[in-house]
Amino acid sequence: MRTLLIGLAVLIASTAFSQSVLDGVYVKEHIPTKKLIQYTHLREADVMWEKRIWRVIDLREKINFPLYYPLKPLTDRMSLFDVMRFWMLKGELTVYQALNLNAKDLNEADFGADQFLFPLNQSSPTYMQEVQNLMLNDVNQSTTAYQVSDGMGGLMDSLDAAGNPVYPPADTVWVESKDIIAWELKEDWFFDKQRSVMDVRIIGIAPLTYAMDPATKTITGTRTLFWLYFPELRYILQNHFVYNRLNDAQRMSFDDLFWKRMFTSYIKKESNIYDRRIVDYTAGVDALLESEKIKEGMQDFEHDVWDL
């Protein structure tokens, strides 16, 4: 009896001690409790010029590494994809399909994909199944519900029509952080005459992976997994840390990173009468030059606007 009491006392003491351990020298409260900084109110009458831009953030660029790493979630930070996946599976984000699965013509399958026309219904009993299917690797496409990682080291069950959990086959491959090669942004640039500034608002964001031919196992291009509405996503990104190369005491949030434009990217498309991308009429070095030409055009407008 005495031995049992001593054992319980040691267990309680060790539990209390482990709960009081602080992994650091102070409690980091700024980012986890940060409130969202709202955009400045904007009226239609104040916008004298506007241009819609689609751009790609290439994660192979060193300055974009904070969006890609760590490949596995840590106690204090996660990659951008892991943050999204965790809250998507919690049902806290509205997920928009990158393809219209009901389209009769494959050429129309991607029509309106970045216009948020195909949201997944969160009240549907198959919602979790549909979210999980969006994160199946291109090699193993399936419409079956599976058990999937919740991004925090645990598993979340997917249920079939009878309410029974369905588990993946052994060869199922999930899209992970290491598989994300780029992020696509849809944004609006505009000149606000009320404040006399050129400003930008990100409208949507989408992760890109390699598309692979299941038969030949060769890469055929890129694939957009899904779209998220960025103003809604900001409420999540504001409370997740981004690594600071120079000072661990001055880490910012993902929302701060996008607000301060601390990434490098190239333009893939601007609003145009043909609704075509840059690669539809040029390629290679010429495509990069065209991207830079669009950037310079917007900068020139900002400089010349004072003469209008």
C-alpha atoms as a PDB file:
ATOM      1  CA  MET A   1       0.000   0.000   0.000  1.00  0.00           C
ATOM      2  CA  ARG A   2       2.830   2.350   0.936  1.00  0.00           C
ATOM      3  CA  THR A   3       4.598   1.563  -2.333  1.00  0.00           C
ATOM      4  CA  LEU A   4       1.419   2.333  -4.290  1.00  0.00           C
ATOM      5  CA  LEU A   5       1.015   5.698  -2.540  1.00  0.00           C
ATOM      6  CA  ILE A   6       4.630   6.594  -3.226  1.00  0.00           C
ATOM      7  CA  GLY A   7       4.160   5.653  -6.883  1.00  0.00           C
ATOM      8  CA  LEU A   8       1.064   7.812  -7.185  1.00  0.00           C
ATOM      9  CA  ALA A   9       2.839  10.730  -5.527  1.00  0.00           C
ATOM     10  CA  VAL A  10       5.771  10.443  -7.934  1.00  0.00           C
ATOM     11  CA  LEU A  11       3.387  10.222 -10.923  1.00  0.00           C
ATOM     12  CA  ILE A  12       1.425  13.298  -9.803  1.00  0.00           C
ATOM     13  CA  ALA A  13       4.628  15.248  -9.142  1.00  0.00           C
ATOM     14  CA  SER A  14       6.142  14.315 -12.497  1.00  0.00           C
ATOM     15  CA  THR A  15       2.898  15.253 -14.284  1.00  0.00           C
ATOM     16  CA  ALA A  16       2.736  18.607 -12.545  1.00  0.00           C
ATOM     17  CA  PHE A  17       6.405  19.242 -13.336  1.00  0.00           C
ATOM     18  CA  SER A  18       5.983  18.354 -17.017  1.00  0.00           C
ATOM     19  CA  GLN A  19       3.013  20.711 -17.313  1.00  0.00           C
ATOM     20  CA  SER A  20       5.058  23.582 -15.816  1.00  0.00           C
ATOM     21  CA  VAL A  21       8.023  23.139 -18.167  1.00  0.00           C
ATOM     22  CA  LEU A  22       8.469  26.146 -20.457  1.00  0.00           C
ATOM     23  CA  ASP A  23      10.305  25.473 -23.697  1.00  0.00           C
ATOM     24  CA  GLY A  24      12.003  28.867 -23.660  1.00  0.00           C
ATOM     25  CA  VAL A  25      12.728  31.776 -21.346  1.00  0.00           C
ATOM     26  CA  TYR A  26       9.359  33.509 -21.639  1.00  0.00           C
ATOM     27  CA  VAL A  27       5.791  32.856 -22.764  1.00  0.00           C
ATOM     28  CA  LYS A  28       5.295  33.861 -26.396  1.00  0.00           C
ATOM     29  CA  GLU A  29       1.949  35.628 -26.413  1.00  0.00           C
ATOM     30  CA  HIS A  30       2.100  38.222 -29.188  1.00  0.00           C
ATOM     31  CA  ILE A  31       1.415  36.076 -32.268  1.00  0.00           C
ATOM     32  CA  PRO A  32      -0.916  33.414 -30.692  1.00  0.00           C
ATOM     33  CA  THR A  33      -3.193  36.126 -29.283  1.00  0.00           C
ATOM     34  CA  LYS A  34      -2.821  38.653 -32.094  1.00  0.00           C
ATOM     35  CA  LYS A  35      -5.980  40.276 -33.454  1.00  0.00           C
ATOM     36  CA  LEU A  36      -6.493  40.674 -37.174  1.00  0.00           C
ATOM     37  CA  ILE A  37      -5.537  44.036 -38.654  1.00  0.00           C
ATOM     38  CA  GLN A  38      -8.482  45.044 -40.805  1.00  0.00           C
ATOM     39  CA  TYR A  39      -8.027  46.470 -44.267  1.00  0.00           C
ATOM     40  CA  THR A  40      -8.583  50.184 -44.744  1.00  0.00           C
ATOM     41  CA  HIS A  41     -12.167  50.867 -45.777  1.00  0.00           C
ATOM     42  CA  LEU A  42     -12.403  51.261 -49.531  1.00  0.00           C
ATOM     43  CA  ARG A  43     -15.219  52.788 -51.568  1.00  0.00           C
ATOM     44  CA  GLU A  44     -15.752  52.141 -55.264  1.00  0.00           C
ATOM     45  CA  ALA A  45     -15.674  55.895 -55.847  1.00  0.00           C
ATOM     46  CA  ASP A  46     -12.130  56.047 -54.429  1.00  0.00           C
ATOM     47  CA  VAL A  47     -10.677  53.510 -56.900  1.00  0.00           C
ATOM     48  CA  MET A  48      -9.552  55.379 -59.993  1.00  0.00           C
ATOM     49  CA  TRP A  49      -7.547  52.474 -61.481  1.00  0.00           C
ATOM     50  CA  GLU A  50      -7.498  48.699 -60.945  1.00  0.00           C
ATOM     51  CA  LYS A  51      -5.710  45.683 -62.392  1.00  0.00           C
ATOM     52  CA  ARG A  52      -6.223  41.993 -61.558  1.00  0.00           C
ATOM     53  CA  ILE A  53      -3.047  39.911 -61.393  1.00  0.00           C
ATOM     54  CA  TRP A  54      -2.342  36.201 -60.990  1.00  0.00           C
ATOM     55  CA  ARG A  55       1.148  35.438 -59.701  1.00  0.00           C
ATOM     56  CA  VAL A  56       3.131  32.353 -58.656  1.00  0.00           C
ATOM     57  CA  ILE A  57       5.351  32.075 -55.565  1.00  0.00           C
ATOM     58  CA  ASP A  58       8.044  29.520 -56.447  1.00  0.00           C
ATOM     59  CA  LEU A  59       9.073  27.671 -53.268  1.00  0.00           C
ATOM     60  CA  ARG A  60      12.481  26.834 -54.730  1.00  0.00           C
ATOM     61  CA  GLU A  61      13.451  30.483 -54.215  1.00  0.00           C
ATOM     62  CA  LYS A  62      15.397  30.885 -50.978  1.00  0.00           C
ATOM     63  CA  ILE A  63      13.421  33.940 -49.845  1.00  0.00           C
ATOM     64  CA  ASN A  64      10.239  31.812 -50.012  1.00  0.00           C
ATOM     65  CA  PHE A  65      11.581  29.037 -47.745  1.00  0.00           C
ATOM     66  CA  PRO A  66       9.585  30.284 -44.696  1.00  0.00           C
ATOM     67  CA  LEU A  67       6.436  29.251 -46.596  1.00  0.00           C
ATOM     68  CA  TYR A  68       7.829  25.760 -47.329  1.00  0.00           C
ATOM     69  CA  TYR A  69       9.598  24.696 -44.129  1.00  0.00           C
ATOM     70  CA  PRO A  70       9.386  22.891 -41.749  1.00  0.00           C
ATOM     71  CA  LEU A  71       8.366  19.780 -43.669  1.00  0.00           C
ATOM     72  CA  LYS A  72       7.031  18.255 -40.439  1.00  0.00           C
ATOM     73  CA  PRO A  73       5.035  20.334 -37.903  1.00  0.00           C
ATOM     74  CA  LEU A  74       6.991  21.598 -34.889  1.00  0.00           C
ATOM     75  CA  THR A  75       5.614  22.705 -31.542  1.00  0.00           C
ATOM     76  CA  ASP A  76       6.016  26.390 -32.402  1.00  0.00           C
ATOM     77  CA  ARG A  77       5.531  26.568 -36.161  1.00  0.00           C
ATOM     78  CA  MET A  78       4.296  24.764 -39.263  1.00  0.00           C
ATOM     79  CA  SER A  79       4.593  25.203 -42.984  1.00  0.00           C
ATOM     80  CA  LEU A  80       1.874  27.165 -44.756  1.00  0.00           C
ATOM     81  CA  PHE A  81       0.362  23.998 -46.245  1.00  0.00           C
ATOM     82  CA  ASP A  82       0.233  22.246 -42.858  1.00  0.00           C
ATOM     83  CA  VAL A  83      -1.531  25.265 -41.351  1.00  0.00           C
ATOM     84  CA  MET A  84      -4.155  25.182 -44.086  1.00  0.00           C
ATOM     85  CA  ARG A  85      -4.600  21.424 -43.949  1.00  0.00           C
ATOM     86  CA  PHE A  86      -5.066  21.419 -40.169  1.00  0.00           C
ATOM     87  CA  TRP A  87      -7.829  24.053 -40.219  1.00  0.00           C
ATOM     88  CA  MET A  88      -9.467  22.657 -43.348  1.00  0.00           C
ATOM     89  CA  LEU A  89      -9.902  19.294 -41.641  1.00  0.00           C
ATOM     90  CA  LYS A  90     -11.274  21.114 -38.598  1.00  0.00           C
ATOM     91  CA  GLY A  91     -13.951  22.606 -40.849  1.00  0.00           C
ATOM     92  CA  GLU A  92     -12.867  26.184 -40.117  1.00  0.00           C
ATOM     93  CA  LEU A  93     -12.150  27.153 -43.739  1.00  0.00           C
ATOM     94  CA  THR A  94     -14.327  27.149 -46.837  1.00  0.00           C
ATOM     95  CA  VAL A  95     -12.613  25.012 -49.476  1.00  0.00           C
ATOM     96  CA  TYR A  96     -13.165  25.703 -53.161  1.00  0.00           C
ATOM     97  CA  GLN A  97     -12.512  23.033 -55.770  1.00  0.00           C
ATOM     98  CA  ALA A  98      -9.911  23.835 -58.400  1.00  0.00           C
ATOM     99  CA  LEU A  99     -11.956  21.994 -61.046  1.00  0.00           C
ATOM    100  CA  ASN A 100     -15.641  21.823 -61.880  1.00  0.00           C
ATOM    101  CA  LEU A 101     -16.152  18.070 -61.538  1.00  0.00           C
ATOM    102  CA  ASN A 102     -19.620  18.357 -63.094  1.00  0.00           C
ATOM    103  CA  ALA A 103     -18.343  19.875 -66.339  1.00  0.00           C
ATOM    104  CA  LYS A 104     -19.228  17.841 -69.434  1.00  0.00           C
ATOM    105  CA  ASP A 105     -16.281  19.170 -71.411  1.00  0.00           C
ATOM    106  CA  LEU A 106     -12.734  18.841 -70.066  1.00  0.00           C
ATOM    107  CA  ASN A 107     -11.912  22.197 -71.639  1.00  0.00           C
ATOM    108  CA  GLU A 108     -14.484  23.781 -69.338  1.00  0.00           C
ATOM    109  CA  ALA A 109     -13.435  21.909 -66.207  1.00  0.00           C
ATOM    110  CA  ASP A 110     -11.252  24.733 -64.937  1.00  0.00           C
ATOM    111  CA  PHE A 111     -13.689  27.519 -65.842  1.00  0.00           C
ATOM    112  CA  GLY A 112     -14.292  29.700 -62.800  1.00  0.00           C
ATOM    113  CA  ALA A 113     -11.947  27.646 -60.613  1.00  0.00           C
ATOM    114  CA  ASP A 114     -10.304  30.766 -59.176  1.00  0.00           C
ATOM    115  CA  GLN A 115     -13.644  32.608 -58.939  1.00  0.00           C
ATOM    116  CA  PHE A 116     -14.782  30.568 -55.921  1.00  0.00           C
ATOM    117  CA  LEU A 117     -17.732  29.067 -57.802  1.00  0.00           C
ATOM    118  CA  PHE A 118     -17.395  25.496 -56.495  1.00  0.00           C
ATOM    119  CA  PRO A 119     -17.262  25.491 -52.666  1.00  0.00           C
ATOM    120  CA  LEU A 120     -17.496  22.246 -50.742  1.00  0.00           C
ATOM    121  CA  ASN A 121     -20.667  22.051 -48.668  1.00  0.00           C
ATOM    122  CA  GLN A 122     -19.620  21.896 -45.007  1.00  0.00           C
ATOM    123  CA  SER A 123     -23.054  20.654 -43.962  1.00  0.00           C
ATOM    124  CA  SER A 124     -22.804  17.667 -46.290  1.00  0.00           C
ATOM    125  CA  PRO A 125     -22.173  14.280 -44.581  1.00  0.00           C
ATOM    126  CA  THR A 126     -19.443  13.629 -47.157  1.00  0.00           C
ATOM    127  CA  TYR A 127     -17.668  16.958 -46.588  1.00  0.00           C
ATOM    128  CA  MET A 128     -14.672  15.419 -44.816  1.00  0.00           C
ATOM    129  CA  GLN A 129     -14.363  12.813 -47.545  1.00  0.00           C
ATOM    130  CA  GLU A 130     -14.336  15.494 -50.235  1.00  0.00           C
ATOM    131  CA  VAL A 131     -11.674  17.529 -48.408  1.00  0.00           C
ATOM    132  CA  GLN A 132      -9.485  14.471 -48.010  1.00  0.00           C
ATOM    133  CA  ASN A 133      -9.825  13.542 -51.671  1.00  0.00           C
ATOM    134  CA  LEU A 134      -8.440  16.935 -52.644  1.00  0.00           C
ATOM    135  CA  MET A 135      -5.214  15.987 -50.868  1.00  0.00           C
ATOM    136  CA  LEU A 136      -4.665  12.628 -52.522  1.00  0.00           C
ATOM    137  CA  ASN A 137      -1.430  12.405 -54.449  1.00  0.00           C
ATOM    138  CA  ASP A 138      -1.845  12.649 -58.227  1.00  0.00           C
ATOM    139  CA  VAL A 139      -0.541   9.086 -58.587  1.00  0.00           C
ATOM    140  CA  ASN A 140      -3.391   7.623 -56.531  1.00  0.00           C
ATOM    141  CA  GLN A 141      -6.577   9.457 -57.461  1.00  0.00           C
ATOM    142  CA  SER A 142      -9.673   8.038 -55.776  1.00  0.00           C
ATOM    143  CA  THR A 143     -13.189   8.965 -54.682  1.00  0.00           C
ATOM    144  CA  THR A 144     -13.149   6.763 -51.578  1.00  0.00           C
ATOM    145  CA  ALA A 145     -13.132   8.242 -48.089  1.00  0.00           C
ATOM    146  CA  TYR A 146      -9.958   7.590 -46.118  1.00  0.00           C
ATOM    147  CA  GLN A 147      -8.348   8.220 -42.777  1.00  0.00           C
ATOM    148  CA  VAL A 148      -5.957  11.143 -43.117  1.00  0.00           C
ATOM    149  CA  SER A 149      -3.432  12.974 -40.983  1.00  0.00           C
ATOM    150  CA  ASP A 150      -4.776  16.059 -39.251  1.00  0.00           C
ATOM    151  CA  GLY A 151      -1.415  17.821 -39.667  1.00  0.00           C
ATOM    152  CA  MET A 152      -0.623  17.629 -35.942  1.00  0.00           C
ATOM    153  CA  GLY A 153       0.547  14.041 -35.668  1.00  0.00           C
ATOM    154  CA  GLY A 154      -2.921  12.528 -35.278  1.00  0.00           C
ATOM    155  CA  LEU A 155      -5.417  10.875 -37.589  1.00  0.00           C
ATOM    156  CA  MET A 156      -8.977  11.837 -38.448  1.00  0.00           C
ATOM    157  CA  ASP A 157     -11.416   9.161 -39.544  1.00  0.00           C
ATOM    158  CA  SER A 158     -13.502   9.475 -42.674  1.00  0.00           C
ATOM    159  CA  LEU A 159     -16.872   7.722 -42.609  1.00  0.00           C
ATOM    160  CA  ASP A 160     -18.739   5.826 -45.294  1.00  0.00           C
ATOM    161  CA  ALA A 161     -22.491   6.038 -45.932  1.00  0.00           C
ATOM    162  CA  ALA A 162     -23.172   3.663 -43.033  1.00  0.00           C
ATOM    163  CA  GLY A 163     -21.107   5.717 -40.597  1.00  0.00           C
ATOM    164  CA  ASN A 164     -18.196   3.271 -40.480  1.00  0.00           C
ATOM    165  CA  PRO A 165     -14.586   4.528 -40.672  1.00  0.00           C
ATOM    166  CA  VAL A 166     -12.824   3.730 -43.937  1.00  0.00           C
ATOM    167  CA  TYR A 167      -9.066   3.333 -43.977  1.00  0.00           C
ATOM    168  CA  PRO A 168      -6.706   3.838 -46.936  1.00  0.00           C
ATOM    169  CA  PRO A 169      -4.951   1.011 -48.749  1.00  0.00           C
ATOM    170  CA  ALA A 170      -1.298   0.573 -47.929  1.00  0.00           C
ATOM    171  CA  ASP A 171      -0.119   2.211 -51.161  1.00  0.00           C
ATOM    172  CA  THR A 172      -2.156   5.416 -50.772  1.00  0.00           C
ATOM    173  CA  VAL A 173       0.061   8.500 -51.118  1.00  0.00           C
ATOM    174  CA  TRP A 174      -1.023  11.805 -49.562  1.00  0.00           C
ATOM    175  CA  VAL A 175       0.075  15.246 -50.598  1.00  0.00           C
ATOM    176  CA  GLU A 176       2.402  16.612 -47.918  1.00  0.00           C
ATOM    177  CA  SER A 177       4.306  19.843 -47.397  1.00  0.00           C
ATOM    178  CA  LYS A 178       7.291  18.524 -49.329  1.00  0.00           C
ATOM    179  CA  ASP A 179       5.071  18.023 -52.402  1.00  0.00           C
ATOM    180  CA  ILE A 180       4.010  21.685 -52.637  1.00  0.00           C
ATOM    181  CA  ILE A 181       6.161  23.360 -55.294  1.00  0.00           C
ATOM    182  CA  ALA A 182       4.482  26.773 -55.472  1.00  0.00           C
ATOM    183  CA  TRP A 183       1.587  28.945 -54.344  1.00  0.00           C
ATOM    184  CA  GLU A 184      -0.649  30.820 -56.752  1.00  0.00           C
ATOM    185  CA  LEU A 185      -2.088  34.171 -55.704  1.00  0.00           C
ATOM    186  CA  LYS A 186      -5.006  36.027 -57.210  1.00  0.00           C
ATOM    187  CA  GLU A 187      -4.847  39.697 -56.282  1.00  0.00           C
ATOM    188  CA  ASP A 188      -6.204  43.126 -57.167  1.00  0.00           C
ATOM    189  CA  TRP A 189      -3.913  46.139 -57.537  1.00  0.00           C
ATOM    190  CA  PHE A 190      -5.615  49.529 -57.368  1.00  0.00           C
ATOM    191  CA  PHE A 191      -4.930  53.222 -56.867  1.00  0.00           C
ATOM    192  CA  ASP A 192      -6.859  54.724 -53.959  1.00  0.00           C
ATOM    193  CA  LYS A 193      -7.268  58.438 -54.655  1.00  0.00           C
ATOM    194  CA  GLN A 194      -8.614  59.039 -51.148  1.00  0.00           C
ATOM    195  CA  ARG A 195      -5.238  58.046 -49.643  1.00  0.00           C
ATOM    196  CA  SER A 196      -3.196  58.705 -52.823  1.00  0.00           C
ATOM    197  CA  VAL A 197      -1.531  55.286 -52.710  1.00  0.00           C
ATOM    198  CA  MET A 198      -1.154  52.236 -54.898  1.00  0.00           C
ATOM    199  CA  ASP A 199      -2.405  49.273 -52.863  1.00  0.00           C
ATOM    200  CA  VAL A 200      -2.976  45.550 -53.294  1.00  0.00           C
ATOM    201  CA  ARG A 201      -5.396  43.035 -51.804  1.00  0.00           C
ATOM    202  CA  ILE A 202      -4.896  39.284 -52.116  1.00  0.00           C
ATOM    203  CA  ILE A 203      -8.204  37.658 -53.064  1.00  0.00           C
ATOM    204  CA  GLY A 204      -7.354  33.955 -53.279  1.00  0.00           C
ATOM    205  CA  ILE A 205      -4.520  31.489 -52.740  1.00  0.00           C
ATOM    206  CA  ALA A 206      -3.961  27.958 -54.056  1.00  0.00           C
ATOM    207  CA  PRO A 207      -1.222  25.304 -53.562  1.00  0.00           C
ATOM    208  CA  LEU A 208       0.416  23.792 -56.653  1.00  0.00           C
ATOM    209  CA  THR A 209       1.980  20.341 -56.984  1.00  0.00           C
ATOM    210  CA  TYR A 210       3.462  18.394 -59.853  1.00  0.00           C
ATOM    211  CA  ALA A 211       0.964  16.517 -62.007  1.00  0.00           C
ATOM    212  CA  MET A 212       2.116  13.000 -62.802  1.00  0.00           C
ATOM    213  CA  ASP A 213       1.068  10.399 -65.338  1.00  0.00           C
ATOM    214  CA  PRO A 214       0.072   7.292 -63.295  1.00  0.00           C
ATOM    215  CA  ALA A 215       1.150   4.944 -66.085  1.00  0.00           C
ATOM    216  CA  THR A 216       4.566   6.350 -66.979  1.00  0.00           C
ATOM    217  CA  LYS A 217       5.271   8.079 -63.624  1.00  0.00           C
ATOM    218  CA  THR A 218       6.467  11.122 -65.572  1.00  0.00           C
ATOM    219  CA  ILE A 219       5.678  14.728 -64.664  1.00  0.00           C
ATOM    220  CA  THR A 220       3.197  16.258 -67.087  1.00  0.00           C
ATOM    221  CA  GLY A 221       2.887  19.735 -65.556  1.00  0.00           C
ATOM    222  CA  THR A 222       1.420  21.273 -62.420  1.00  0.00           C
ATOM    223  CA  ARG A 223      -1.859  20.693 -60.605  1.00  0.00           C
ATOM    224  CA  THR A 224      -3.883  23.093 -58.445  1.00  0.00           C
ATOM    225  CA  LEU A 225      -5.185  21.288 -55.357  1.00  0.00           C
ATOM    226  CA  PHE A 226      -7.841  23.777 -54.202  1.00  0.00           C
ATOM    227  CA  TRP A 227      -8.542  27.476 -53.701  1.00  0.00           C
ATOM    228  CA  LEU A 228      -9.052  29.353 -50.430  1.00  0.00           C
ATOM    229  CA  TYR A 229     -10.574  32.806 -50.005  1.00  0.00           C
ATOM    230  CA  PHE A 230      -7.701  34.851 -48.576  1.00  0.00           C
ATOM    231  CA  PRO A 231      -9.702  37.393 -46.489  1.00  0.00           C
ATOM    232  CA  GLU A 232     -11.191  34.411 -44.624  1.00  0.00           C
ATOM    233  CA  LEU A 233      -7.816  32.674 -44.367  1.00  0.00           C
ATOM    234  CA  ARG A 234      -6.237  35.743 -42.744  1.00  0.00           C
ATOM    235  CA  TYR A 235      -8.071  34.992 -39.486  1.00  0.00           C
ATOM    236  CA  ILE A 236      -6.093  31.730 -39.321  1.00  0.00           C
ATOM    237  CA  LEU A 237      -2.724  32.959 -40.608  1.00  0.00           C
ATOM    238  CA  GLN A 238      -2.480  35.788 -38.073  1.00  0.00           C
ATOM    239  CA  ASN A 239      -1.860  33.341 -35.192  1.00  0.00           C
ATOM    240  CA  HIS A 240       0.821  31.119 -36.758  1.00  0.00           C
ATOM    241  CA  PHE A 241       4.543  31.862 -36.552  1.00  0.00           C
ATOM    242  CA  VAL A 242       6.877  32.368 -39.509  1.00  0.00           C
ATOM    243  CA  TYR A 243      10.590  31.732 -39.055  1.00  0.00           C
ATOM    244  CA  ASN A 244      12.867  34.776 -38.824  1.00  0.00           C
ATOM    245  CA  ARG A 245      16.395  34.048 -40.040  1.00  0.00           C
ATOM    246  CA  LEU A 246      17.921  36.870 -38.009  1.00  0.00           C
ATOM    247  CA  ASN A 247      16.054  36.957 -34.703  1.00  0.00           C
ATOM    248  CA  ASP A 248      13.872  34.327 -33.001  1.00  0.00           C
ATOM    249  CA  ALA A 249      12.456  37.021 -30.701  1.00  0.00           C
ATOM    250  CA  GLN A 250      11.010  38.946 -33.654  1.00  0.00           C
ATOM    251  CA  ARG A 251       9.014  36.311 -35.474  1.00  0.00           C
ATOM    252  CA  MET A 252       6.000  37.460 -37.429  1.00  0.00           C
ATOM    253  CA  SER A 253       2.828  35.721 -38.555  1.00  0.00           C
ATOM    254  CA  PHE A 254       1.989  34.416 -42.018  1.00  0.00           C
ATOM    255  CA  ASP A 255      -0.456  37.291 -42.368  1.00  0.00           C
ATOM    256  CA  ASP A 256       2.378  39.745 -41.665  1.00  0.00           C
ATOM    257  CA  LEU A 257       4.519  38.066 -44.319  1.00  0.00           C
ATOM    258  CA  PHE A 258       1.866  38.515 -47.006  1.00  0.00           C
ATOM    259  CA  TRP A 259       0.964  42.020 -45.800  1.00  0.00           C
ATOM    260  CA  LYS A 260       4.626  43.117 -46.056  1.00  0.00           C
ATOM    261  CA  ARG A 261       5.079  41.268 -49.386  1.00  0.00           C
ATOM    262  CA  MET A 262       8.126  39.402 -48.048  1.00  0.00           C
ATOM    263  CA  PHE A 263       8.256  36.905 -50.904  1.00  0.00           C
ATOM    264  CA  THR A 264       9.357  36.801 -54.508  1.00  0.00           C
ATOM    265  CA  SER A 265       7.091  35.785 -57.381  1.00  0.00           C
ATOM    266  CA  TYR A 266       6.421  36.108 -61.072  1.00  0.00           C
ATOM    267  CA  ILE A 267       3.231  37.103 -62.875  1.00  0.00           C
ATOM    268  CA  LYS A 268       1.494  34.351 -64.846  1.00  0.00           C
ATOM    269  CA  LYS A 269      -1.530  36.336 -66.005  1.00  0.00           C
ATOM    270  CA  GLU A 270      -3.099  39.788 -66.014  1.00  0.00           C
ATOM    271  CA  SER A 271      -6.694  40.683 -66.767  1.00  0.00           C
ATOM    272  CA  ASN A 272      -7.037  40.877 -70.557  1.00  0.00           C
ATOM    273  CA  ILE A 273      -9.683  40.777 -73.259  1.00  0.00           C
ATOM    274  CA  TYR A 274      -8.764  37.210 -74.279  1.00  0.00           C
ATOM    275  CA  ASP A 275      -8.568  35.870 -70.687  1.00  0.00           C
ATOM    276  CA  ARG A 276      -5.308  34.162 -71.604  1.00  0.00           C
ATOM    277  CA  ARG A 277      -2.181  33.447 -69.587  1.00  0.00           C
ATOM    278  CA  ILE A 278       1.301  34.599 -70.521  1.00  0.00           C
ATOM    279  CA  VAL A 279       2.299  31.041 -71.496  1.00  0.00           C
ATOM    280  CA  ASP A 280      -0.575  30.962 -74.001  1.00  0.00           C
ATOM    281  CA  TYR A 281       1.193  33.443 -76.277  1.00  0.00           C
ATOM    282  CA  THR A 282       4.878  33.231 -75.313  1.00  0.00           C
ATOM    283  CA  ALA A 283       7.281  30.882 -73.536  1.00  0.00           C
ATOM    284  CA  GLY A 284      10.701  30.558 -71.927  1.00  0.00           C
ATOM    285  CA  VAL A 285      12.708  33.706 -71.368  1.00  0.00           C
ATOM    286  CA  ASP A 286      10.136  35.719 -73.302  1.00  0.00           C
ATOM    287  CA  ALA A 287       7.496  34.744 -70.737  1.00  0.00           C
ATOM    288  CA  LEU A 288       9.684  36.038 -67.893  1.00  0.00           C
ATOM    289  CA  LEU A 289      10.312  39.257 -69.807  1.00  0.00           C
ATOM    290  CA  GLU A 290       6.569  39.658 -70.344  1.00  0.00           C
ATOM    291  CA  SER A 291       6.023  39.187 -66.608  1.00  0.00           C
ATOM    292  CA  GLU A 292       8.566  41.906 -65.861  1.00  0.00           C
ATOM    293  CA  LYS A 293       6.957  44.148 -68.482  1.00  0.00           C
ATOM    294  CA  ILE A 294       3.612  43.907 -66.655  1.00  0.00           C
ATOM    295  CA  LYS A 295       5.312  44.775 -63.336  1.00  0.00           C
ATOM    296  CA  GLU A 296       7.054  47.771 -64.864  1.00  0.00           C
ATOM    297  CA  GLY A 297       3.787  48.919 -66.449  1.00  0.00           C
ATOM    298  CA  MET A 298       2.090  49.071 -63.043  1.00  0.00           C
ATOM    299  CA  GLN A 299       5.081  50.869 -61.519  1.00  0.00           C
ATOM    300  CA  ASP A 300       5.078  53.408 -64.346  1.00  0.00           C
ATOM    301  CA  PHE A 301       1.375  54.071 -63.801  1.00  0.00           C
ATOM    302  CA  GLU A 302       1.970  54.711 -60.106  1.00  0.00           C
ATOM    303  CA  HIS A 303       4.724  57.207 -60.949  1.00  0.00           C
ATOM    304  CA  ASP A 304       2.743  58.913 -63.725  1.00  0.00           C
ATOM    305  CA  VAL A 305      -0.568  59.100 -61.891  1.00  0.00           C
ATOM    306  CA  TRP A 306       0.393  62.437 -60.346  1.00  0.00           C
ATOM    307  CA  ASP A 307       0.384  63.961 -63.828  1.00  0.00           C
ATOM    308  CA  LEU A 308      -3.176  62.822 -64.626  1.00  0.00           C
END
